[in-house]
C-alpha atoms as a PDB file:
ATOM      1  CA  MET A   1      43.540 164.897  98.560  1.00  0.00           C
ATOM      2  CA  PHE A   2      42.738 164.943  95.097  1.00  0.00           C
ATOM      3  CA  PHE A   3      45.411 164.878  92.025  1.00  0.00           C
ATOM      4  CA  SER A   4      44.244 166.030  88.601  1.00  0.00           C
ATOM      5  CA  PHE A   5      44.850 168.007  85.260  1.00  0.00           C
ATOM      6  CA  CYS A   6      42.535 170.133  83.457  1.00  0.00           C
ATOM      7  CA  LEU A   7      43.904 170.624  79.770  1.00  0.00           C
ATOM      8  CA  LEU A   8      41.411 170.555  77.459  1.00  0.00           C
ATOM      9  CA  GLY A   9      38.381 170.689  79.580  1.00  0.00           C
ATOM     10  CA  VAL A  10      37.162 170.512  83.088  1.00  0.00           C
ATOM     11  CA  ASP A  11      35.068 167.186  83.182  1.00  0.00           C
ATOM     12  CA  ARG A  12      37.828 165.485  85.460  1.00  0.00           C
ATOM     13  CA  VAL A  13      37.285 167.498  88.719  1.00  0.00           C
ATOM     14  CA  ARG A  14      33.769 168.939  88.051  1.00  0.00           C
ATOM     15  CA  SER A  15      32.180 166.085  90.294  1.00  0.00           C
ATOM     16  CA  LEU A  16      34.471 166.783  93.267  1.00  0.00           C
ATOM     17  CA  SER A  17      33.605 168.237  96.385  1.00  0.00           C
ATOM     18  CA  VAL A  18      36.530 170.071  98.426  1.00  0.00           C
ATOM     19  CA  ASP A  19      37.507 173.135 100.841  1.00  0.00           C
ATOM     20  CA  VAL A  20      40.911 173.900  99.365  1.00  0.00           C
ATOM     21  CA  ILE A  21      42.035 174.106  95.681  1.00  0.00           C
ATOM     22  CA  LYS A  22      46.010 174.521  94.314  1.00  0.00           C
ATOM     23  CA  PHE A  23      46.273 175.208  91.322  1.00  0.00           C
ATOM     24  CA  ASP A  24      49.847 174.803  89.655  1.00  0.00           C
ATOM     25  CA  GLU A  25      51.117 175.741  86.249  1.00  0.00           C
ATOM     26  CA  ILE A  26      48.138 178.604  86.048  1.00  0.00           C
ATOM     27  CA  GLN A  27      49.883 180.306  83.378  1.00  0.00           C
ATOM     28  CA  ASP A  28      48.746 177.209  80.948  1.00  0.00           C
ATOM     29  CA  PHE A  29      45.253 177.179  82.363  1.00  0.00           C
ATOM     30  CA  ASP A  30      42.497 177.993  79.925  1.00  0.00           C
ATOM     31  CA  PRO A  31      41.231 181.099  81.813  1.00  0.00           C
ATOM     32  CA  ASP A  32      37.354 180.241  81.531  1.00  0.00           C
ATOM     33  CA  PHE A  33      38.171 176.802  83.574  1.00  0.00           C
ATOM     34  CA  ILE A  34      39.027 178.516  86.589  1.00  0.00           C
ATOM     35  CA  PRO A  35      35.274 179.784  88.023  1.00  0.00           C
ATOM     36  CA  VAL A  36      34.299 176.423  86.976  1.00  0.00           C
ATOM     37  CA  ILE A  37      36.722 174.616  88.832  1.00  0.00           C
ATOM     38  CA  ASN A  38      36.238 176.798  92.140  1.00  0.00           C
ATOM     39  CA  GLU A  39      32.435 175.488  91.886  1.00  0.00           C
ATOM     40  CA  CYS A  40      33.784 172.477  93.460  1.00  0.00           C
ATOM     41  CA  MET A  41      33.990 174.246  96.794  1.00  0.00           C
ATOM     42  CA  SER A  42      30.316 175.868  96.268  1.00  0.00           C
ATOM     43  CA  HIS A  43      29.303 174.135  99.482  1.00  0.00           C
ATOM     44  CA  SER A  44      32.361 174.850 101.768  1.00  0.00           C
ATOM     45  CA  THR A  45      32.751 176.894 104.416  1.00  0.00           C
ATOM     46  CA  TYR A  46      36.395 177.746 103.677  1.00  0.00           C
ATOM     47  CA  GLY A  47      36.817 178.234  99.841  1.00  0.00           C
ATOM     48  CA  ILE A  48      40.149 178.451  99.848  1.00  0.00           C
ATOM     49  CA  SER A  49      41.713 178.625  96.408  1.00  0.00           C
ATOM     50  CA  SER A  50      45.731 179.561  95.455  1.00  0.00           C
ATOM     51  CA  TYR A  51      47.357 179.955  92.553  1.00  0.00           C
ATOM     52  CA  SER A  52      50.793 179.388  91.590  1.00  0.00           C
ATOM     53  CA  GLY A  53      52.781 179.106  88.152  1.00  0.00           C
ATOM     54  CA  THR A  54      55.790 180.793  86.000  1.00  0.00           C
ATOM     55  CA  PRO A  55      54.715 183.665  83.985  1.00  0.00           C
ATOM     56  CA  LYS A  56      55.375 183.614  80.459  1.00  0.00           C
ATOM     57  CA  THR A  57      54.335 186.248  77.504  1.00  0.00           C
ATOM     58  CA  LYS A  58      52.206 189.218  79.150  1.00  0.00           C
ATOM     59  CA  ASP A  59      48.365 187.699  77.849  1.00  0.00           C
ATOM     60  CA  ASN A  60      48.215 184.535  79.698  1.00  0.00           C
ATOM     61  CA  GLY A  61      46.087 183.429  83.028  1.00  0.00           C
ATOM     62  CA  ILE A  62      49.109 184.366  85.468  1.00  0.00           C
ATOM     63  CA  GLU A  63      49.046 188.049  84.438  1.00  0.00           C
ATOM     64  CA  ASP A  64      45.467 188.771  84.610  1.00  0.00           C
ATOM     65  CA  LEU A  65      45.372 187.425  87.791  1.00  0.00           C
ATOM     66  CA  TRP A  66      48.509 189.105  88.889  1.00  0.00           C
ATOM     67  CA  HIS A  67      47.053 192.219  87.756  1.00  0.00           C
ATOM     68  CA  ARG A  68      43.655 191.714  89.627  1.00  0.00           C
ATOM     69  CA  SER A  69      46.263 191.320  92.957  1.00  0.00           C
ATOM     70  CA  SER A  70      47.773 192.909  95.431  1.00  0.00           C
ATOM     71  CA  GLN A  71      51.261 192.761  93.214  1.00  0.00           C
ATOM     72  CA  ALA A  72      53.263 192.219  96.295  1.00  0.00           C
ATOM     73  CA  GLU A  73      56.886 192.621  95.984  1.00  0.00           C
ATOM     74  CA  TRP A  74      59.772 191.738  97.647  1.00  0.00           C
ATOM     75  CA  VAL A  75      61.674 195.055  99.457  1.00  0.00           C
ATOM     76  CA  ILE A  76      65.247 194.494 101.213  1.00  0.00           C
ATOM     77  CA  PRO A  77      66.807 197.691 102.805  1.00  0.00           C
ATOM     78  CA  CYS A  78      70.415 198.451 102.859  1.00  0.00           C
ATOM     79  CA  TYR A  79      72.102 198.952 105.976  1.00  0.00           C
ATOM     80  CA  SER A  80      75.090 200.804 104.526  1.00  0.00           C
ATOM     81  CA  CYS A  81      72.931 203.478 102.570  1.00  0.00           C
ATOM     82  CA  GLY A  82      69.453 203.002 103.443  1.00  0.00           C
ATOM     83  CA  LYS A  83      68.122 202.646 100.010  1.00  0.00           C
ATOM     84  CA  TRP A  84      65.073 200.373  99.894  1.00  0.00           C
ATOM     85  CA  ASN A  85      65.794 197.608  97.228  1.00  0.00           C
ATOM     86  CA  MET A  86      62.413 196.331  95.413  1.00  0.00           C
ATOM     87  CA  CYS A  87      63.095 192.924  93.850  1.00  0.00           C
ATOM     88  CA  CYS A  88      61.594 193.227  90.290  1.00  0.00           C
ATOM     89  CA  VAL A  89      62.649 194.375  87.012  1.00  0.00           C
ATOM     90  CA  GLU A  90      60.671 197.651  86.881  1.00  0.00           C
ATOM     91  CA  ALA A  91      62.828 198.836  90.318  1.00  0.00           C
ATOM     92  CA  ASP A  92      66.135 197.634  91.014  1.00  0.00           C
ATOM     93  CA  LEU A  93      66.331 193.940  90.777  1.00  0.00           C
ATOM     94  CA  LEU A  94      68.956 194.045  87.411  1.00  0.00           C
ATOM     95  CA  LYS A  95      70.929 196.213  89.176  1.00  0.00           C
ATOM     96  CA  MET A  96      71.080 193.907  92.415  1.00  0.00           C
ATOM     97  CA  LEU A  97      72.346 191.013  90.295  1.00  0.00           C
ATOM     98  CA  ARG A  98      76.116 191.709  91.529  1.00  0.00           C
ATOM     99  CA  PRO A  99      78.858 189.282  90.980  1.00  0.00           C
ATOM    100  CA  GLU A 100      79.614 188.244  94.580  1.00  0.00           C
ATOM    101  CA  THR A 101      75.473 188.129  95.867  1.00  0.00           C
ATOM    102  CA  LEU A 102      72.596 190.174  95.480  1.00  0.00           C
ATOM    103  CA  CYS A 103      73.577 193.967  96.611  1.00  0.00           C
ATOM    104  CA  CYS A 104      72.187 197.179  96.797  1.00  0.00           C
ATOM    105  CA  ALA A 105      71.363 198.937  93.546  1.00  0.00           C
ATOM    106  CA  LYS A 106      72.349 202.223  95.152  1.00  0.00           C
ATOM    107  CA  CYS A 107      75.787 201.479  96.791  1.00  0.00           C
ATOM    108  CA  GLY A 108      76.748 197.867  95.408  1.00  0.00           C
ATOM    109  CA  LYS A 109      76.547 196.724  99.209  1.00  0.00           C
ATOM    110  CA  PRO A 110      75.580 193.023  99.946  1.00  0.00           C
ATOM    111  CA  VAL A 111      72.426 193.498 101.151  1.00  0.00           C
ATOM    112  CA  ASN A 112      70.283 190.377 103.689  1.00  0.00           C
ATOM    113  CA  PRO A 113      66.988 189.030 101.689  1.00  0.00           C
ATOM    114  CA  ALA A 114      66.245 187.565 105.313  1.00  0.00           C
ATOM    115  CA  ALA A 115      65.482 191.473 106.406  1.00  0.00           C
ATOM    116  CA  GLY A 116      63.313 192.135 103.746  1.00  0.00           C
ATOM    117  CA  SER A 117      58.914 192.306 103.533  1.00  0.00           C
ATOM    118  CA  TRP A 118      56.260 192.174 101.533  1.00  0.00           C
ATOM    119  CA  TYR A 119      55.282 195.688 100.083  1.00  0.00           C
ATOM    120  CA  HIS A 120      51.767 195.182  98.122  1.00  0.00           C
ATOM    121  CA  THR A 121      51.956 197.685  95.162  1.00  0.00           C
ATOM    122  CA  ALA A 122      48.317 197.574  94.385  1.00  0.00           C
ATOM    123  CA  MET A 123      47.069 197.153  97.795  1.00  0.00           C
ATOM    124  CA  GLN A 124      44.582 200.324  97.211  1.00  0.00           C
ATOM    125  CA  GLN A 125      43.333 198.944  94.051  1.00  0.00           C
ATOM    126  CA  LYS A 126      39.647 197.856  94.136  1.00  0.00           C
ATOM    127  CA  GLY A 127      39.460 193.999  95.198  1.00  0.00           C
ATOM    128  CA  ALA A 128      43.131 193.669  95.596  1.00  0.00           C
ATOM    129  CA  SER A 129      42.846 193.588  99.547  1.00  0.00           C
ATOM    130  CA  ASN A 130      41.094 190.268  99.456  1.00  0.00           C
ATOM    131  CA  PHE A 131      43.199 188.608  97.063  1.00  0.00           C
ATOM    132  CA  HIS A 132      46.667 188.678  97.491  1.00  0.00           C
ATOM    133  CA  GLY A 133      49.836 187.888  94.932  1.00  0.00           C
ATOM    134  CA  TYR A 134      53.410 187.054  95.600  1.00  0.00           C
ATOM    135  CA  HIS A 135      56.355 188.219  92.879  1.00  0.00           C
ATOM    136  CA  ILE A 136      58.864 185.639  93.791  1.00  0.00           C
ATOM    137  CA  PRO A 137      62.319 185.914  91.784  1.00  0.00           C
ATOM    138  CA  GLN A 138      64.896 183.050  92.227  1.00  0.00           C
ATOM    139  CA  PRO A 139      67.526 185.854  93.569  1.00  0.00           C
ATOM    140  CA  ILE A 140      65.890 186.794  96.937  1.00  0.00           C
ATOM    141  CA  LEU A 141      66.294 182.950  97.994  1.00  0.00           C
ATOM    142  CA  PRO A 142      69.102 181.581 100.339  1.00  0.00           C
ATOM    143  CA  VAL A 143      69.497 178.795  98.506  1.00  0.00           C
ATOM    144  CA  HIS A 144      70.721 180.562  95.298  1.00  0.00           C
ATOM    145  CA  CYS A 145      71.986 184.400  96.874  1.00  0.00           C
ATOM    146  CA  ALA A 146      73.639 182.502  99.775  1.00  0.00           C
ATOM    147  CA  ASN A 147      75.181 179.965  97.827  1.00  0.00           C
ATOM    148  CA  SER A 148      78.460 180.999  95.937  1.00  0.00           C
ATOM    149  CA  ARG A 149      77.960 177.922  93.541  1.00  0.00           C
ATOM    150  CA  LYS A 150      74.406 178.667  92.884  1.00  0.00           C
ATOM    151  CA  TRP A 151      74.727 182.000  92.379  1.00  0.00           C
ATOM    152  CA  LYS A 152      77.188 181.685  89.566  1.00  0.00           C
ATOM    153  CA  GLU A 153      75.180 179.274  87.788  1.00  0.00           C
ATOM    154  CA  LEU A 154      72.011 181.585  88.449  1.00  0.00           C
ATOM    155  CA  LEU A 155      74.047 184.638  86.697  1.00  0.00           C
ATOM    156  CA  ALA A 156      75.535 182.440  84.060  1.00  0.00           C
ATOM    157  CA  LYS A 157      71.870 181.822  82.703  1.00  0.00           C
ATOM    158  CA  GLN A 158      71.506 185.644  82.520  1.00  0.00           C
ATOM    159  CA  SER A 159      73.795 185.301  79.158  1.00  0.00           C
ATOM    160  CA  LYS A 160      73.297 181.547  78.263  1.00  0.00           C
ATOM    161  CA  TYR A 161      69.109 182.086  78.563  1.00  0.00           C
ATOM    162  CA  SER A 162      67.172 184.430  76.098  1.00  0.00           C
ATOM    163  CA  GLU A 163      66.012 187.219  77.575  1.00  0.00           C
ATOM    164  CA  GLN A 164      62.448 186.212  77.544  1.00  0.00           C
ATOM    165  CA  LYS A 165      63.668 182.496  79.372  1.00  0.00           C
ATOM    166  CA  PHE A 166      66.035 184.533  81.696  1.00  0.00           C
ATOM    167  CA  LEU A 167      62.745 186.801  82.862  1.00  0.00           C
ATOM    168  CA  ASN A 168      60.489 183.879  82.896  1.00  0.00           C
ATOM    169  CA  GLU A 169      62.472 181.280  84.454  1.00  0.00           C
ATOM    170  CA  VAL A 170      64.796 182.965  86.701  1.00  0.00           C
ATOM    171  CA  LEU A 171      63.283 186.234  87.686  1.00  0.00           C
ATOM    172  CA  GLY A 172      59.739 185.461  87.624  1.00  0.00           C
ATOM    173  CA  GLU A 173      58.150 187.926  85.330  1.00  0.00           C
ATOM    174  CA  SER A 174      56.352 188.194  81.974  1.00  0.00           C
ATOM    175  CA  CYS A 175      57.956 189.019  78.822  1.00  0.00           C
ATOM    176  CA  ASP A 176      56.815 188.774  75.168  1.00  0.00           C
ATOM    177  CA  VAL A 177      59.846 189.953  73.343  1.00  0.00           C
ATOM    178  CA  GLY A 178      60.713 187.887  70.721  1.00  0.00           C
ATOM    179  CA  VAL A 179      57.857 185.292  71.576  1.00  0.00           C
ATOM    180  CA  THR A 180      54.448 185.981  69.689  1.00  0.00           C
ATOM    181  CA  LEU A 181      54.673 187.762  66.068  1.00  0.00           C
ATOM    182  CA  VAL A 182      52.751 190.808  67.235  1.00  0.00           C
ATOM    183  CA  SER A 183      52.884 191.350  71.372  1.00  0.00           C
ATOM    184  CA  GLU A 184      51.519 193.687  73.624  1.00  0.00           C
ATOM    185  CA  THR A 185      54.272 195.237  74.118  1.00  0.00           C
ATOM    186  CA  ASP A 186      54.714 195.904  70.381  1.00  0.00           C
ATOM    187  CA  LEU A 187      51.204 197.332  70.311  1.00  0.00           C
ATOM    188  CA  ILE A 188      51.230 199.731  73.034  1.00  0.00           C
ATOM    189  CA  LYS A 189      54.621 201.349  71.188  1.00  0.00           C
ATOM    190  CA  ALA A 190      52.734 201.732  68.418  1.00  0.00           C
ATOM    191  CA  SER A 191      49.736 203.152  69.815  1.00  0.00           C
ATOM    192  CA  THR A 192      49.060 206.865  69.347  1.00  0.00           C
ATOM    193  CA  LEU A 193      46.294 207.381  72.021  1.00  0.00           C
ATOM    194  CA  GLY A 194      48.154 205.842  75.123  1.00  0.00           C
ATOM    195  CA  ARG A 195      47.175 202.733  76.971  1.00  0.00           C
ATOM    196  CA  ASN A 196      43.606 202.455  77.312  1.00  0.00           C
ATOM    197  CA  ASP A 197      40.786 199.649  78.342  1.00  0.00           C
ATOM    198  CA  TYR A 198      37.879 198.701  75.909  1.00  0.00           C
ATOM    199  CA  ARG A 199      35.357 200.943  77.782  1.00  0.00           C
ATOM    200  CA  THR A 200      37.485 203.959  76.752  1.00  0.00           C
ATOM    201  CA  ALA A 201      37.964 203.510  73.238  1.00  0.00           C
ATOM    202  CA  LEU A 202      34.248 202.642  72.738  1.00  0.00           C
ATOM    203  CA  ASN A 203      33.068 205.831  74.612  1.00  0.00           C
ATOM    204  CA  THR A 204      35.712 208.130  74.274  1.00  0.00           C
ATOM    205  CA  PHE A 205      37.736 207.399  70.731  1.00  0.00           C
ATOM    206  CA  LEU A 206      35.760 205.052  68.427  1.00  0.00           C
ATOM    207  CA  ALA A 207      33.450 207.922  67.129  1.00  0.00           C
ATOM    208  CA  SER A 208      36.232 209.497  65.354  1.00  0.00           C
ATOM    209  CA  CYS A 209      37.853 206.708  63.574  1.00  0.00           C
ATOM    210  CA  ASP A 210      37.357 206.811  59.991  1.00  0.00           C
ATOM    211  CA  ILE A 211      38.282 202.817  59.653  1.00  0.00           C
ATOM    212  CA  ARG A 212      37.433 199.994  62.001  1.00  0.00           C
ATOM    213  CA  ALA A 213      39.504 196.681  62.214  1.00  0.00           C
ATOM    214  CA  LEU A 214      39.023 193.738  64.141  1.00  0.00           C
ATOM    215  CA  SER A 215      41.987 190.848  64.469  1.00  0.00           C
ATOM    216  CA  VAL A 216      41.431 187.933  65.878  1.00  0.00           C
ATOM    217  CA  ASP A 217      44.341 184.876  66.463  1.00  0.00           C
ATOM    218  CA  TRP A 218      43.178 181.388  66.781  1.00  0.00           C
ATOM    219  CA  GLY A 219      46.863 180.420  67.148  1.00  0.00           C
ATOM    220  CA  GLY A 220      47.256 176.800  67.633  1.00  0.00           C
ATOM    221  CA  GLY A 221      50.096 174.648  69.493  1.00  0.00           C
ATOM    222  CA  GLY A 222      52.681 175.110  66.727  1.00  0.00           C
ATOM    223  CA  LEU A 223      54.438 172.699  64.319  1.00  0.00           C
ATOM    224  CA  GLN A 224      55.215 170.300  67.118  1.00  0.00           C
ATOM    225  CA  GLU A 225      52.214 170.361  69.248  1.00  0.00           C
ATOM    226  CA  VAL A 226      48.438 169.773  68.885  1.00  0.00           C
ATOM    227  CA  SER A 227      46.520 172.988  66.875  1.00  0.00           C
ATOM    228  CA  ARG A 228      43.125 173.409  68.543  1.00  0.00           C
ATOM    229  CA  SER A 229      42.111 176.302  65.337  1.00  0.00           C
ATOM    230  CA  GLU A 230      38.794 174.409  64.797  1.00  0.00           C
ATOM    231  CA  GLU A 231      37.647 174.503  68.255  1.00  0.00           C
END
């Protein structure tokens, strides 16, 4: 079993030959390092890799992996009204955070996370069936929702933390509000053509553009960290 890190390069692990690789804090990895590191399993008949971490902004490695995965969300049934509560911010999660415990977003009655199951929201997406991804927010864990003291601490963080920090650290979701000067969310809101990808923009919209602009950001580590702009 080998423990290592790959902050600025992969040379520390390049010579290893292994069957399983577990990436932790994957949100801070350079995405270009991942395929190189996975080559350490090129000989293996197992070749198992897993990725875990805490989401930050919407433009980092863990967000890219999430969108390429099956995007499984924990869904909890309510035995009082019959609603299935999906535990993500886009669906029901914020409505489920009640003073007493985790509750149904519709009727407000307590629900039991242990009665839930995984629902792979993107299972039909190409390649997703072979790459499972799981979103695990703190509120669905018994150590929080089944412990009154821990649950009060969790709810207190909603007012104590910034929106971005609460979504990242407690709910396990990406958020770029107040983090970057111009975020992906800002760009989507400002877009007049709707959200599209590179090929759509190139083949459909580019010919009708009178002015074309390119923006490049070599962002470093800020005032208190190491800037790698010159690299």
